[in-house]
Amino acid sequence: MSGTLANPLGRLEAGGDVLGALLRYKDTALEETGDHREVTSLVHRRLQRGTAADRHSAVLWPKPA
């Protein structure tokens, strides 16, 4: 999630920006189904902590201090 993703127009953007735009796009639908709080929380946690692959890579190949 720390890298880049293609947005719906095919342009590369920061992963967090693309996910934020997706959440804003689906905001009404998430509210209607009662899932907004949970999905938003999960996305924010993933952006803060990274993926399992990010954490695994950090252990195997730590960046020099």
PDB file of N, CA and C in Angstrom:
ATOM      1  N   MET A   1       0.803  -1.192   0.000  1.00  0.00           N
ATOM      2  CA  MET A   1       0.000   0.000   0.000  1.00  0.00           C
ATOM      3  C   MET A   1       0.849   1.260   0.000  1.00  0.00           C
ATOM      4  N   SER A   2       2.129   1.099   0.214  1.00  0.00           N
ATOM      5  CA  SER A   2       2.993   2.271   0.230  1.00  0.00           C
ATOM      6  C   SER A   2       3.447   2.652  -1.179  1.00  0.00           C
ATOM      7  N   GLY A   3       3.137   1.813  -2.138  1.00  0.00           N
ATOM      8  CA  GLY A   3       3.547   2.078  -3.509  1.00  0.00           C
ATOM      9  C   GLY A   3       2.489   2.829  -4.285  1.00  0.00           C
ATOM     10  N   THR A   4       2.539   2.648  -5.584  1.00  0.00           N
ATOM     11  CA  THR A   4       1.579   3.332  -6.448  1.00  0.00           C
ATOM     12  C   THR A   4       0.562   2.333  -6.990  1.00  0.00           C
ATOM     13  N   LEU A   5      -0.615   2.856  -7.272  1.00  0.00           N
ATOM     14  CA  LEU A   5      -1.694   2.077  -7.883  1.00  0.00           C
ATOM     15  C   LEU A   5      -2.218   2.866  -9.066  1.00  0.00           C
ATOM     16  N   ALA A   6      -2.822   2.168  -9.996  1.00  0.00           N
ATOM     17  CA  ALA A   6      -3.478   2.850 -11.112  1.00  0.00           C
ATOM     18  C   ALA A   6      -4.873   3.253 -10.661  1.00  0.00           C
ATOM     19  N   ASN A   7      -5.217   4.512 -10.863  1.00  0.00           N
ATOM     20  CA  ASN A   7      -6.564   4.967 -10.540  1.00  0.00           C
ATOM     21  C   ASN A   7      -7.505   4.506 -11.659  1.00  0.00           C
ATOM     22  N   PRO A   8      -8.810   4.733 -11.523  1.00  0.00           N
ATOM     23  CA  PRO A   8      -9.743   4.265 -12.564  1.00  0.00           C
ATOM     24  C   PRO A   8      -9.467   4.834 -13.958  1.00  0.00           C
ATOM     25  N   LEU A   9      -8.753   5.940 -14.028  1.00  0.00           N
ATOM     26  CA  LEU A   9      -8.413   6.522 -15.331  1.00  0.00           C
ATOM     27  C   LEU A   9      -7.098   5.974 -15.879  1.00  0.00           C
ATOM     28  N   GLY A  10      -6.460   5.070 -15.116  1.00  0.00           N
ATOM     29  CA  GLY A  10      -5.209   4.468 -15.553  1.00  0.00           C
ATOM     30  C   GLY A  10      -3.978   5.249 -15.177  1.00  0.00           C
ATOM     31  N   ARG A  11      -4.144   6.335 -14.429  1.00  0.00           N
ATOM     32  CA  ARG A  11      -2.994   7.142 -13.997  1.00  0.00           C
ATOM     33  C   ARG A  11      -2.438   6.577 -12.690  1.00  0.00           C
ATOM     34  N   LEU A  12      -1.125   6.588 -12.563  1.00  0.00           N
ATOM     35  CA  LEU A  12      -0.496   6.106 -11.339  1.00  0.00           C
ATOM     36  C   LEU A  12      -0.578   7.167 -10.251  1.00  0.00           C
ATOM     37  N   GLU A  13      -0.997   6.742  -9.073  1.00  0.00           N
ATOM     38  CA  GLU A  13      -1.084   7.618  -7.901  1.00  0.00           C
ATOM     39  C   GLU A  13      -0.652   6.833  -6.679  1.00  0.00           C
ATOM     40  N   ALA A  14      -0.394   7.536  -5.595  1.00  0.00           N
ATOM     41  CA  ALA A  14      -0.066   6.878  -4.336  1.00  0.00           C
ATOM     42  C   ALA A  14      -1.218   5.957  -3.936  1.00  0.00           C
ATOM     43  N   GLY A  15      -0.885   4.782  -3.435  1.00  0.00           N
ATOM     44  CA  GLY A  15      -1.900   3.806  -3.062  1.00  0.00           C
ATOM     45  C   GLY A  15      -2.936   4.358  -2.101  1.00  0.00           C
ATOM     46  N   GLY A  16      -2.498   5.116  -1.107  1.00  0.00           N
ATOM     47  CA  GLY A  16      -3.424   5.694  -0.139  1.00  0.00           C
ATOM     48  C   GLY A  16      -4.399   6.665  -0.776  1.00  0.00           C
ATOM     49  N   ASP A  17      -3.928   7.401  -1.776  1.00  0.00           N
ATOM     50  CA  ASP A  17      -4.804   8.347  -2.473  1.00  0.00           C
ATOM     51  C   ASP A  17      -5.879   7.616  -3.281  1.00  0.00           C
ATOM     52  N   VAL A  18      -5.482   6.523  -3.933  1.00  0.00           N
ATOM     53  CA  VAL A  18      -6.444   5.755  -4.723  1.00  0.00           C
ATOM     54  C   VAL A  18      -7.490   5.119  -3.806  1.00  0.00           C
ATOM     55  N   LEU A  19      -7.044   4.563  -2.690  1.00  0.00           N
ATOM     56  CA  LEU A  19      -8.004   3.962  -1.754  1.00  0.00           C
ATOM     57  C   LEU A  19      -8.923   5.016  -1.147  1.00  0.00           C
ATOM     58  N   GLY A  20      -8.393   6.183  -0.824  1.00  0.00           N
ATOM     59  CA  GLY A  20      -9.217   7.273  -0.305  1.00  0.00           C
ATOM     60  C   GLY A  20     -10.288   7.690  -1.299  1.00  0.00           C
ATOM     61  N   ALA A  21      -9.914   7.777  -2.573  1.00  0.00           N
ATOM     62  CA  ALA A  21     -10.878   8.132  -3.615  1.00  0.00           C
ATOM     63  C   ALA A  21     -11.948   7.055  -3.744  1.00  0.00           C
ATOM     64  N   LEU A  22     -11.552   5.798  -3.631  1.00  0.00           N
ATOM     65  CA  LEU A  22     -12.518   4.706  -3.700  1.00  0.00           C
ATOM     66  C   LEU A  22     -13.509   4.780  -2.537  1.00  0.00           C
ATOM     67  N   LEU A  23     -13.005   5.059  -1.339  1.00  0.00           N
ATOM     68  CA  LEU A  23     -13.899   5.198  -0.183  1.00  0.00           C
ATOM     69  C   LEU A  23     -14.873   6.351  -0.373  1.00  0.00           C
ATOM     70  N   ARG A  24     -14.393   7.464  -0.892  1.00  0.00           N
ATOM     71  CA  ARG A  24     -15.292   8.605  -1.129  1.00  0.00           C
ATOM     72  C   ARG A  24     -16.332   8.257  -2.189  1.00  0.00           C
ATOM     73  N   TYR A  25     -15.940   7.526  -3.207  1.00  0.00           N
ATOM     74  CA  TYR A  25     -16.843   7.134  -4.282  1.00  0.00           C
ATOM     75  C   TYR A  25     -17.950   6.210  -3.754  1.00  0.00           C
ATOM     76  N   LYS A  26     -17.590   5.314  -2.851  1.00  0.00           N
ATOM     77  CA  LYS A  26     -18.538   4.332  -2.316  1.00  0.00           C
ATOM     78  C   LYS A  26     -19.154   4.760  -0.985  1.00  0.00           C
ATOM     79  N   ASP A  27     -18.919   5.981  -0.579  1.00  0.00           N
ATOM     80  CA  ASP A  27     -19.369   6.486   0.720  1.00  0.00           C
ATOM     81  C   ASP A  27     -20.860   6.260   0.963  1.00  0.00           C
ATOM     82  N   THR A  28     -21.696   6.659   0.030  1.00  0.00           N
ATOM     83  CA  THR A  28     -23.145   6.535   0.197  1.00  0.00           C
ATOM     84  C   THR A  28     -23.569   5.076   0.311  1.00  0.00           C
ATOM     85  N   ALA A  29     -23.030   4.226  -0.545  1.00  0.00           N
ATOM     86  CA  ALA A  29     -23.385   2.808  -0.507  1.00  0.00           C
ATOM     87  C   ALA A  29     -22.954   2.170   0.810  1.00  0.00           C
ATOM     88  N   LEU A  30     -21.776   2.533   1.292  1.00  0.00           N
ATOM     89  CA  LEU A  30     -21.306   1.984   2.568  1.00  0.00           C
ATOM     90  C   LEU A  30     -22.183   2.463   3.725  1.00  0.00           C
ATOM     91  N   GLU A  31     -22.607   3.712   3.684  1.00  0.00           N
ATOM     92  CA  GLU A  31     -23.516   4.238   4.711  1.00  0.00           C
ATOM     93  C   GLU A  31     -24.847   3.494   4.682  1.00  0.00           C
ATOM     94  N   GLU A  32     -25.384   3.299   3.485  1.00  0.00           N
ATOM     95  CA  GLU A  32     -26.688   2.641   3.351  1.00  0.00           C
ATOM     96  C   GLU A  32     -26.686   1.215   3.877  1.00  0.00           C
ATOM     97  N   THR A  33     -25.565   0.520   3.719  1.00  0.00           N
ATOM     98  CA  THR A  33     -25.488  -0.872   4.178  1.00  0.00           C
ATOM     99  C   THR A  33     -24.985  -0.995   5.611  1.00  0.00           C
ATOM    100  N   GLY A  34     -24.613   0.141   6.203  1.00  0.00           N
ATOM    101  CA  GLY A  34     -24.110   0.111   7.574  1.00  0.00           C
ATOM    102  C   GLY A  34     -22.665  -0.347   7.688  1.00  0.00           C
ATOM    103  N   ASP A  35     -21.952  -0.348   6.591  1.00  0.00           N
ATOM    104  CA  ASP A  35     -20.578  -0.850   6.583  1.00  0.00           C
ATOM    105  C   ASP A  35     -19.518   0.239   6.587  1.00  0.00           C
ATOM    106  N   HIS A  36     -19.925   1.490   6.541  1.00  0.00           N
ATOM    107  CA  HIS A  36     -18.969   2.592   6.390  1.00  0.00           C
ATOM    108  C   HIS A  36     -17.907   2.598   7.479  1.00  0.00           C
ATOM    109  N   ARG A  37     -18.328   2.519   8.720  1.00  0.00           N
ATOM    110  CA  ARG A  37     -17.374   2.594   9.836  1.00  0.00           C
ATOM    111  C   ARG A  37     -16.365   1.450   9.782  1.00  0.00           C
ATOM    112  N   GLU A  38     -16.841   0.230   9.557  1.00  0.00           N
ATOM    113  CA  GLU A  38     -15.942  -0.918   9.550  1.00  0.00           C
ATOM    114  C   GLU A  38     -14.960  -0.870   8.373  1.00  0.00           C
ATOM    115  N   VAL A  39     -15.467  -0.598   7.189  1.00  0.00           N
ATOM    116  CA  VAL A  39     -14.595  -0.565   6.005  1.00  0.00           C
ATOM    117  C   VAL A  39     -13.572   0.554   6.124  1.00  0.00           C
ATOM    118  N   THR A  40     -14.008   1.718   6.554  1.00  0.00           N
ATOM    119  CA  THR A  40     -13.088   2.844   6.724  1.00  0.00           C
ATOM    120  C   THR A  40     -12.004   2.513   7.741  1.00  0.00           C
ATOM    121  N   SER A  41     -12.401   1.898   8.842  1.00  0.00           N
ATOM    122  CA  SER A  41     -11.445   1.512   9.874  1.00  0.00           C
ATOM    123  C   SER A  41     -10.422   0.512   9.344  1.00  0.00           C
ATOM    124  N   LEU A  42     -10.885  -0.485   8.608  1.00  0.00           N
ATOM    125  CA  LEU A  42      -9.982  -1.494   8.064  1.00  0.00           C
ATOM    126  C   LEU A  42      -9.003  -0.895   7.054  1.00  0.00           C
ATOM    127  N   VAL A  43      -9.482  -0.012   6.212  1.00  0.00           N
ATOM    128  CA  VAL A  43      -8.607   0.627   5.220  1.00  0.00           C
ATOM    129  C   VAL A  43      -7.560   1.489   5.920  1.00  0.00           C
ATOM    130  N   HIS A  44      -7.983   2.272   6.898  1.00  0.00           N
ATOM    131  CA  HIS A  44      -7.029   3.119   7.618  1.00  0.00           C
ATOM    132  C   HIS A  44      -5.988   2.277   8.342  1.00  0.00           C
ATOM    133  N   ARG A  45      -6.419   1.179   8.951  1.00  0.00           N
ATOM    134  CA  ARG A  45      -5.469   0.310   9.661  1.00  0.00           C
ATOM    135  C   ARG A  45      -4.459  -0.278   8.675  1.00  0.00           C
ATOM    136  N   ARG A  46      -4.936  -0.712   7.508  1.00  0.00           N
ATOM    137  CA  ARG A  46      -4.036  -1.285   6.512  1.00  0.00           C
ATOM    138  C   ARG A  46      -3.027  -0.249   6.024  1.00  0.00           C
ATOM    139  N   LEU A  47      -3.486   0.972   5.835  1.00  0.00           N
ATOM    140  CA  LEU A  47      -2.576   2.032   5.389  1.00  0.00           C
ATOM    141  C   LEU A  47      -1.541   2.371   6.458  1.00  0.00           C
ATOM    142  N   GLN A  48      -1.932   2.312   7.721  1.00  0.00           N
ATOM    143  CA  GLN A  48      -0.999   2.633   8.802  1.00  0.00           C
ATOM    144  C   GLN A  48      -0.001   1.510   9.046  1.00  0.00           C
ATOM    145  N   ARG A  49      -0.485   0.270   9.074  1.00  0.00           N
ATOM    146  CA  ARG A  49       0.372  -0.855   9.435  1.00  0.00           C
ATOM    147  C   ARG A  49       1.027  -1.525   8.242  1.00  0.00           C
ATOM    148  N   GLY A  50       0.492  -1.300   7.053  1.00  0.00           N
ATOM    149  CA  GLY A  50       1.009  -1.974   5.870  1.00  0.00           C
ATOM    150  C   GLY A  50       0.409  -3.366   5.740  1.00  0.00           C
ATOM    151  N   THR A  51       0.779  -4.032   4.685  1.00  0.00           N
ATOM    152  CA  THR A  51       0.288  -5.383   4.443  1.00  0.00           C
ATOM    153  C   THR A  51       1.188  -6.388   5.155  1.00  0.00           C
ATOM    154  N   ALA A  52       0.748  -7.626   5.204  1.00  0.00           N
ATOM    155  CA  ALA A  52       1.583  -8.686   5.774  1.00  0.00           C
ATOM    156  C   ALA A  52       2.889  -8.800   4.990  1.00  0.00           C
ATOM    157  N   ALA A  53       2.806  -8.622   3.683  1.00  0.00           N
ATOM    158  CA  ALA A  53       4.015  -8.685   2.857  1.00  0.00           C
ATOM    159  C   ALA A  53       4.976  -7.546   3.209  1.00  0.00           C
ATOM    160  N   ASP A  54       4.440  -6.351   3.487  1.00  0.00           N
ATOM    161  CA  ASP A  54       5.296  -5.230   3.899  1.00  0.00           C
ATOM    162  C   ASP A  54       6.034  -5.566   5.191  1.00  0.00           C
ATOM    163  N   ARG A  55       5.300  -6.114   6.165  1.00  0.00           N
ATOM    164  CA  ARG A  55       5.921  -6.440   7.459  1.00  0.00           C
ATOM    165  C   ARG A  55       6.936  -7.576   7.311  1.00  0.00           C
ATOM    166  N   HIS A  56       6.614  -8.555   6.501  1.00  0.00           N
ATOM    167  CA  HIS A  56       7.516  -9.672   6.261  1.00  0.00           C
ATOM    168  C   HIS A  56       8.811  -9.189   5.611  1.00  0.00           C
ATOM    169  N   SER A  57       8.685  -8.355   4.607  1.00  0.00           N
ATOM    170  CA  SER A  57       9.860  -7.811   3.925  1.00  0.00           C
ATOM    171  C   SER A  57      10.734  -6.993   4.875  1.00  0.00           C
ATOM    172  N   ALA A  58      10.096  -6.256   5.776  1.00  0.00           N
ATOM    173  CA  ALA A  58      10.861  -5.439   6.733  1.00  0.00           C
ATOM    174  C   ALA A  58      11.695  -6.302   7.667  1.00  0.00           C
ATOM    175  N   VAL A  59      11.199  -7.483   7.981  1.00  0.00           N
ATOM    176  CA  VAL A  59      11.948  -8.392   8.844  1.00  0.00           C
ATOM    177  C   VAL A  59      13.083  -9.057   8.063  1.00  0.00           C
ATOM    178  N   LEU A  60      12.796  -9.485   6.861  1.00  0.00           N
ATOM    179  CA  LEU A  60      13.808 -10.189   6.074  1.00  0.00           C
ATOM    180  C   LEU A  60      14.874  -9.264   5.516  1.00  0.00           C
ATOM    181  N   TRP A  61      14.472  -8.076   5.106  1.00  0.00           N
ATOM    182  CA  TRP A  61      15.407  -7.137   4.498  1.00  0.00           C
ATOM    183  C   TRP A  61      15.289  -5.763   5.146  1.00  0.00           C
ATOM    184  N   PRO A  62      15.753  -5.643   6.392  1.00  0.00           N
ATOM    185  CA  PRO A  62      15.626  -4.341   7.070  1.00  0.00           C
ATOM    186  C   PRO A  62      16.436  -3.262   6.354  1.00  0.00           C
ATOM    187  N   LYS A  63      15.896  -2.068   6.396  1.00  0.00           N
ATOM    188  CA  LYS A  63      16.591  -0.927   5.778  1.00  0.00           C
ATOM    189  C   LYS A  63      17.704  -0.479   6.723  1.00  0.00           C
ATOM    190  N   PRO A  64      18.872  -0.143   6.162  1.00  0.00           N
ATOM    191  CA  PRO A  64      19.977   0.308   7.008  1.00  0.00           C
ATOM    192  C   PRO A  64      19.610   1.596   7.733  1.00  0.00           C
ATOM    193  N   ALA A  65      20.108   1.723   8.946  1.00  0.00           N
ATOM    194  CA  ALA A  65      19.822   2.907   9.757  1.00  0.00           C
ATOM    195  C   ALA A  65      20.634   4.101   9.353  1.00  0.00           C
TER     196      ALA A  65
END
